[in-house]
């Protein structure tokens, strides 16, 4: 029995697939697009974990950390995503990808969220296809963030079993 099951956590809404079965196809297409090989899957996972952390979604943070563990990521790298700026576990390309996702999700009323200087640093590590892949990976998690924050699927439960009603 998982901690989630022991604590009796319930989702706010039922599984959306019962109302919108096409969401499975949409989600699958988004995953396929972000796994085109131009960006390492580990980088995509880091970006999506950081997005979940930035927006404060326990569901996405737990889910992405689990995905990373199953892919063989170390606990040090998973844990250090929250403090990636001074953690020694990330490459320069991963760091700019993490900075990019933070820029997208962090309001900046004084300046552009993704300034030209940040884009130029990202472009130094990623070609056009890879940059679009990062955009799609960020878009994919953006698509699901309202689900995590509003519907509150159950953290730690597998897909298809993460809704209590």
Protein backbone atom coordinates (compact mmCIF):
# COMPACT_ATOMS: atom_id res chain seq x y z
CA UNK A 1 0.00 0.00 0.00
CA UNK A 2 1.41 3.40 -0.99
CA UNK A 3 1.54 6.43 1.30
CA UNK A 4 -1.13 7.98 -0.91
CA UNK A 5 -3.45 5.01 -0.38
CA UNK A 6 -2.72 4.97 3.35
CA UNK A 7 -3.60 8.65 3.67
CA UNK A 8 -6.87 8.29 1.75
CA UNK A 9 -6.05 11.09 -0.70
CA UNK A 10 -8.74 11.67 -3.29
CA UNK A 11 -8.83 13.59 -6.54
CA UNK A 12 -11.16 16.57 -6.88
CA UNK A 13 -12.49 15.46 -10.25
CA UNK A 14 -12.96 12.09 -11.92
CA UNK A 15 -10.69 10.82 -14.68
CA UNK A 16 -11.18 13.16 -17.67
CA UNK A 17 -10.85 10.24 -20.12
CA UNK A 18 -14.41 9.20 -19.30
CA UNK A 19 -15.56 12.54 -20.75
CA UNK A 20 -12.83 13.12 -23.35
CA UNK A 21 -11.39 9.82 -24.58
CA UNK A 22 -9.39 11.67 -27.24
CA UNK A 23 -7.11 13.08 -24.51
CA UNK A 24 -5.20 9.80 -24.58
CA UNK A 25 -4.34 10.34 -28.23
CA UNK A 26 -3.44 13.98 -27.64
CA UNK A 27 -1.18 13.10 -24.71
CA UNK A 28 0.43 10.29 -26.70
CA UNK A 29 1.12 12.60 -29.63
CA UNK A 30 2.68 15.19 -27.32
CA UNK A 31 4.95 12.57 -25.75
CA UNK A 32 5.92 11.23 -29.17
CA UNK A 33 6.77 14.73 -30.43
CA UNK A 34 9.02 15.46 -27.45
CA UNK A 35 10.80 12.09 -27.87
CA UNK A 36 12.10 12.75 -31.36
CA UNK A 37 15.72 12.26 -30.32
CA UNK A 38 16.94 15.81 -30.79
CA UNK A 39 17.02 16.42 -27.02
CA UNK A 40 17.96 13.69 -24.54
CA UNK A 41 14.92 12.31 -22.73
CA UNK A 42 16.72 13.02 -19.46
CA UNK A 43 16.72 16.75 -20.34
CA UNK A 44 13.01 16.66 -21.22
CA UNK A 45 12.32 15.01 -17.86
CA UNK A 46 14.43 17.56 -15.99
CA UNK A 47 12.54 20.40 -17.66
CA UNK A 48 9.16 18.86 -16.86
CA UNK A 49 10.13 18.15 -13.25
CA UNK A 50 11.29 21.75 -12.81
CA UNK A 51 8.03 23.03 -14.31
CA UNK A 52 6.07 21.01 -11.75
CA UNK A 53 8.21 22.42 -8.96
CA UNK A 54 7.91 26.03 -10.15
CA UNK A 55 4.11 25.91 -10.32
CA UNK A 56 3.84 24.02 -7.04
CA UNK A 57 2.20 20.87 -8.40
CA UNK A 58 2.82 17.91 -6.13
CA UNK A 59 1.23 15.61 -8.70
CA UNK A 60 3.63 16.64 -11.47
CA UNK A 61 6.66 16.75 -9.19
CA UNK A 62 6.03 13.24 -7.87
CA UNK A 63 5.13 11.92 -11.35
CA UNK A 64 8.18 13.36 -13.11
CA UNK A 65 10.53 12.23 -10.33
CA UNK A 66 9.08 8.71 -10.66
CA UNK A 67 9.52 8.78 -14.45
CA UNK A 68 13.14 9.84 -13.95
CA UNK A 69 13.82 7.10 -11.38
CA UNK A 70 12.40 4.48 -13.72
CA UNK A 71 14.67 5.82 -16.49
CA UNK A 72 17.71 5.33 -14.22
CA UNK A 73 18.33 8.91 -13.11
CA UNK A 74 20.23 9.27 -9.86
CA UNK A 75 18.57 10.53 -6.70
CA UNK A 76 21.15 13.32 -6.56
CA UNK A 77 20.09 14.70 -9.94
CA UNK A 78 16.37 14.32 -9.22
CA UNK A 79 16.64 15.99 -5.83
CA UNK A 80 18.98 18.72 -7.04
CA UNK A 81 16.60 19.96 -9.75
CA UNK A 82 15.07 22.24 -7.11
CA UNK A 83 18.46 23.92 -6.63
CA UNK A 84 19.95 23.31 -10.08
CA UNK A 85 21.69 26.72 -10.22
CA UNK A 86 24.44 25.63 -7.84
CA UNK A 87 24.20 21.84 -8.10
CA UNK A 88 27.18 20.09 -9.75
CA UNK A 89 25.06 17.41 -11.47
CA UNK A 90 23.95 19.15 -14.66
CA UNK A 91 25.57 19.86 -18.00
CA UNK A 92 25.65 23.35 -19.50
CA UNK A 93 22.93 22.31 -21.98
CA UNK A 94 20.72 20.98 -19.17
CA UNK A 95 21.26 24.17 -17.18
CA UNK A 96 20.12 26.41 -20.02
CA UNK A 97 17.06 24.15 -20.56
CA UNK A 98 16.21 24.47 -16.85
CA UNK A 99 16.71 28.23 -17.02
CA UNK A 100 14.44 28.36 -20.07
CA UNK A 101 11.57 26.53 -18.35
CA UNK A 102 11.93 28.75 -15.28
CA UNK A 103 11.79 31.83 -17.49
CA UNK A 104 8.58 30.59 -19.12
CA UNK A 105 6.88 29.90 -15.79
CA UNK A 106 8.15 32.85 -13.76
CA UNK A 107 6.30 36.13 -14.23
CA UNK A 108 8.55 39.10 -14.95
CA UNK A 109 6.62 42.34 -15.11
CA UNK A 110 9.81 44.34 -15.70
CA UNK A 111 11.17 42.51 -18.74
CA UNK A 112 10.57 39.84 -21.34
CA UNK A 113 10.33 36.36 -19.80
CA UNK A 114 12.68 34.78 -22.34
CA UNK A 115 15.13 37.53 -23.25
CA UNK A 116 17.28 37.37 -26.38
CA UNK A 117 20.36 36.64 -24.26
CA UNK A 118 18.78 33.49 -22.79
CA UNK A 119 17.55 32.39 -26.21
CA UNK A 120 21.07 32.89 -27.62
CA UNK A 121 22.57 30.73 -24.88
CA UNK A 122 19.96 28.04 -25.55
CA UNK A 123 20.65 28.25 -29.30
CA UNK A 124 24.35 27.72 -28.58
CA UNK A 125 23.49 24.27 -27.18
CA UNK A 126 20.50 23.25 -29.28
CA UNK A 127 19.75 23.43 -33.00
CA UNK A 128 16.36 24.58 -34.30
CA UNK A 129 14.74 21.13 -34.04
CA UNK A 130 16.04 20.67 -30.51
CA UNK A 131 14.84 24.14 -29.50
CA UNK A 132 11.39 23.30 -30.87
CA UNK A 133 11.56 20.02 -28.95
CA UNK A 134 12.20 21.94 -25.73
CA UNK A 135 9.28 24.24 -26.59
CA UNK A 136 7.08 21.16 -27.12
CA UNK A 137 8.27 19.54 -23.88
CA UNK A 138 7.41 22.73 -21.99
CA UNK A 139 4.09 22.93 -23.85
CA UNK A 140 3.32 19.34 -22.93
CA UNK A 141 3.71 20.01 -19.22
CA UNK A 142 1.81 23.31 -19.65
CA UNK A 143 -1.08 21.32 -21.08
CA UNK A 144 -1.25 19.15 -17.96
CA UNK A 145 -0.50 21.71 -15.24
CA UNK A 146 -4.13 22.87 -14.92
CA UNK A 147 -5.09 19.20 -14.58
CA UNK A 148 -2.68 18.80 -11.68
CA UNK A 149 -3.64 22.03 -9.96
CA UNK A 150 -7.41 21.95 -10.48
CA UNK A 151 -8.43 18.28 -10.76
CA UNK A 152 -5.72 17.13 -8.36
CA UNK A 153 -5.05 13.60 -9.60
CA UNK A 154 -3.58 11.42 -6.86
CA UNK A 155 0.22 11.80 -6.63
CA UNK A 156 2.21 8.60 -6.91
CA UNK A 157 -0.56 6.55 -8.48
CA UNK A 158 -0.14 5.10 -11.98
CA UNK A 159 -2.00 6.60 -14.92
CA UNK A 160 -5.49 5.18 -15.06
CA UNK A 161 -5.54 4.78 -11.27
CA UNK A 162 -4.73 8.38 -10.32
CA UNK A 163 -8.36 9.48 -9.95
CA UNK A 164 -10.55 8.38 -7.08
CA UNK A 165 -13.84 8.74 -8.89
